Amino acid sequence: MNDLSQLTFEAAYDELESIIARLEEGDLPLEESMSLFERGRQLSDYCQKLLDSAELRITQISEQ
């Protein structure tokens, strides 16, 4: 799935963990490794964005 906005945090995190495990095995061709690394970076950024948003919402709720 290329559209990250359709993923929940949990789904994105699970996919990221799967990518990390595959990369750590070290037996992938270079091109596949690069593609997985790029996807992993996108997922990492997306997860961070969701966490930042959740933190902001919690802060806003706490200030009410």
N, C-alpha and C. Protein backbone atom coordinates (compact mmCIF):
# COMPACT_ATOMS: atom_id res chain seq x y z
N MET A 1 0.86 -1.18 0.00
CA MET A 1 0.00 0.00 0.00
C MET A 1 0.90 1.24 0.00
N ASN A 2 0.72 2.08 -0.98
CA ASN A 2 1.56 3.27 -1.10
C ASN A 2 0.98 4.48 -0.38
N ASP A 3 -0.34 4.54 -0.21
CA ASP A 3 -0.97 5.69 0.42
C ASP A 3 -0.92 5.53 1.93
N LEU A 4 0.04 6.18 2.53
CA LEU A 4 0.22 6.05 3.98
C LEU A 4 -0.97 6.56 4.76
N SER A 5 -1.68 7.54 4.24
CA SER A 5 -2.79 8.14 4.99
C SER A 5 -3.91 7.13 5.25
N GLN A 6 -3.90 6.01 4.55
CA GLN A 6 -4.92 4.98 4.77
C GLN A 6 -4.52 4.00 5.87
N LEU A 7 -3.28 4.11 6.35
CA LEU A 7 -2.79 3.19 7.37
C LEU A 7 -3.03 3.73 8.78
N THR A 8 -3.40 2.84 9.67
CA THR A 8 -3.43 3.21 11.08
C THR A 8 -1.99 3.22 11.58
N PHE A 9 -1.78 3.82 12.75
CA PHE A 9 -0.45 3.81 13.35
C PHE A 9 0.03 2.38 13.51
N GLU A 10 -0.83 1.52 14.02
CA GLU A 10 -0.45 0.14 14.30
C GLU A 10 -0.05 -0.59 13.02
N ALA A 11 -0.81 -0.39 11.94
CA ALA A 11 -0.49 -1.05 10.67
C ALA A 11 0.83 -0.54 10.11
N ALA A 12 1.05 0.76 10.19
CA ALA A 12 2.30 1.34 9.70
C ALA A 12 3.47 0.84 10.51
N TYR A 13 3.32 0.78 11.82
CA TYR A 13 4.39 0.31 12.70
C TYR A 13 4.71 -1.16 12.45
N ASP A 14 3.66 -1.96 12.26
CA ASP A 14 3.87 -3.39 11.96
C ASP A 14 4.63 -3.56 10.65
N GLU A 15 4.25 -2.79 9.63
CA GLU A 15 4.95 -2.88 8.35
C GLU A 15 6.41 -2.44 8.50
N LEU A 16 6.62 -1.39 9.27
CA LEU A 16 7.99 -0.91 9.52
C LEU A 16 8.82 -1.99 10.21
N GLU A 17 8.27 -2.64 11.22
CA GLU A 17 8.98 -3.72 11.91
C GLU A 17 9.33 -4.85 10.96
N SER A 18 8.41 -5.18 10.06
CA SER A 18 8.64 -6.23 9.08
C SER A 18 9.78 -5.86 8.13
N ILE A 19 9.80 -4.62 7.70
CA ILE A 19 10.86 -4.13 6.82
C ILE A 19 12.21 -4.19 7.52
N ILE A 20 12.24 -3.76 8.77
CA ILE A 20 13.49 -3.78 9.54
C ILE A 20 14.01 -5.21 9.65
N ALA A 21 13.13 -6.14 9.93
CA ALA A 21 13.53 -7.54 10.06
C ALA A 21 14.11 -8.06 8.74
N ARG A 22 13.47 -7.72 7.64
CA ARG A 22 13.97 -8.17 6.33
C ARG A 22 15.33 -7.56 6.02
N LEU A 23 15.49 -6.28 6.33
CA LEU A 23 16.77 -5.62 6.06
C LEU A 23 17.88 -6.19 6.95
N GLU A 24 17.54 -6.53 8.17
CA GLU A 24 18.54 -7.08 9.09
C GLU A 24 19.03 -8.46 8.67
N GLU A 25 18.21 -9.18 7.92
CA GLU A 25 18.63 -10.50 7.42
C GLU A 25 19.82 -10.35 6.48
N GLY A 26 19.85 -9.26 5.72
CA GLY A 26 21.00 -8.95 4.90
C GLY A 26 21.17 -9.75 3.63
N ASP A 27 20.19 -10.52 3.23
CA ASP A 27 20.36 -11.34 2.03
C ASP A 27 19.53 -10.85 0.85
N LEU A 28 19.24 -9.56 0.81
CA LEU A 28 18.44 -8.99 -0.27
C LEU A 28 19.34 -8.33 -1.31
N PRO A 29 18.87 -8.31 -2.55
CA PRO A 29 19.60 -7.56 -3.57
C PRO A 29 19.61 -6.07 -3.22
N LEU A 30 20.60 -5.37 -3.70
CA LEU A 30 20.76 -3.95 -3.37
C LEU A 30 19.52 -3.13 -3.70
N GLU A 31 18.96 -3.31 -4.88
CA GLU A 31 17.79 -2.52 -5.28
C GLU A 31 16.60 -2.75 -4.33
N GLU A 32 16.38 -4.00 -3.97
CA GLU A 32 15.29 -4.31 -3.06
C GLU A 32 15.56 -3.71 -1.68
N SER A 33 16.80 -3.80 -1.24
CA SER A 33 17.17 -3.20 0.04
C SER A 33 16.92 -1.70 0.03
N MET A 34 17.28 -1.06 -1.05
CA MET A 34 17.08 0.39 -1.16
C MET A 34 15.60 0.75 -1.16
N SER A 35 14.80 -0.04 -1.88
CA SER A 35 13.35 0.21 -1.91
C SER A 35 12.73 0.02 -0.54
N LEU A 36 13.16 -1.04 0.15
CA LEU A 36 12.65 -1.29 1.50
C LEU A 36 13.08 -0.19 2.46
N PHE A 37 14.33 0.25 2.33
CA PHE A 37 14.81 1.32 3.20
C PHE A 37 13.98 2.59 2.97
N GLU A 38 13.71 2.91 1.72
CA GLU A 38 12.92 4.11 1.40
C GLU A 38 11.51 4.00 1.99
N ARG A 39 10.88 2.84 1.81
CA ARG A 39 9.55 2.63 2.37
C ARG A 39 9.60 2.71 3.90
N GLY A 40 10.62 2.13 4.49
CA GLY A 40 10.76 2.19 5.94
C GLY A 40 10.90 3.61 6.44
N ARG A 41 11.65 4.41 5.71
CA ARG A 41 11.82 5.82 6.09
C ARG A 41 10.48 6.55 6.02
N GLN A 42 9.71 6.28 4.97
CA GLN A 42 8.39 6.90 4.84
C GLN A 42 7.48 6.48 5.99
N LEU A 43 7.51 5.21 6.32
CA LEU A 43 6.69 4.72 7.43
C LEU A 43 7.12 5.32 8.76
N SER A 44 8.42 5.43 8.95
CA SER A 44 8.94 6.03 10.18
C SER A 44 8.49 7.48 10.31
N ASP A 45 8.60 8.23 9.24
CA ASP A 45 8.16 9.63 9.24
C ASP A 45 6.66 9.73 9.51
N TYR A 46 5.89 8.84 8.89
CA TYR A 46 4.44 8.83 9.06
C TYR A 46 4.07 8.51 10.51
N CYS A 47 4.71 7.50 11.08
CA CYS A 47 4.44 7.14 12.48
C CYS A 47 4.78 8.31 13.40
N GLN A 48 5.89 8.98 13.15
CA GLN A 48 6.28 10.13 13.97
C GLN A 48 5.25 11.24 13.85
N LYS A 49 4.75 11.46 12.65
CA LYS A 49 3.73 12.49 12.43
C LYS A 49 2.46 12.16 13.24
N LEU A 50 2.06 10.90 13.23
CA LEU A 50 0.88 10.50 14.00
C LEU A 50 1.11 10.65 15.49
N LEU A 51 2.30 10.30 15.97
CA LEU A 51 2.62 10.47 17.39
C LEU A 51 2.64 11.94 17.79
N ASP A 52 3.21 12.78 16.94
CA ASP A 52 3.23 14.22 17.21
C ASP A 52 1.81 14.78 17.29
N SER A 53 0.96 14.33 16.38
CA SER A 53 -0.43 14.78 16.37
C SER A 53 -1.16 14.34 17.63
N ALA A 54 -0.94 13.10 18.05
CA ALA A 54 -1.58 12.60 19.26
C ALA A 54 -1.10 13.37 20.48
N GLU A 55 0.20 13.67 20.53
CA GLU A 55 0.75 14.44 21.65
C GLU A 55 0.13 15.83 21.70
N LEU A 56 -0.03 16.47 20.54
CA LEU A 56 -0.64 17.79 20.49
C LEU A 56 -2.08 17.73 20.99
N ARG A 57 -2.82 16.72 20.57
CA ARG A 57 -4.22 16.58 21.02
C ARG A 57 -4.29 16.40 22.53
N ILE A 58 -3.40 15.58 23.07
CA ILE A 58 -3.38 15.35 24.53
C ILE A 58 -3.07 16.65 25.25
N THR A 59 -2.11 17.40 24.74
CA THR A 59 -1.76 18.68 25.35
C THR A 59 -2.94 19.63 25.31
N GLN A 60 -3.63 19.69 24.20
CA GLN A 60 -4.77 20.59 24.07
C GLN A 60 -5.90 20.18 25.01
N ILE A 61 -6.13 18.89 25.14
CA ILE A 61 -7.18 18.41 26.04
C ILE A 61 -6.81 18.71 27.49
N SER A 62 -5.56 18.53 27.82
CA SER A 62 -5.09 18.76 29.19
C SER A 62 -5.19 20.22 29.59
N GLU A 63 -5.08 21.12 28.63
CA GLU A 63 -5.12 22.55 28.91
C GLU A 63 -6.54 23.09 29.06
N GLN A 64 -7.53 22.30 28.74
CA GLN A 64 -8.92 22.77 28.82
C GLN A 64 -9.42 22.83 30.22
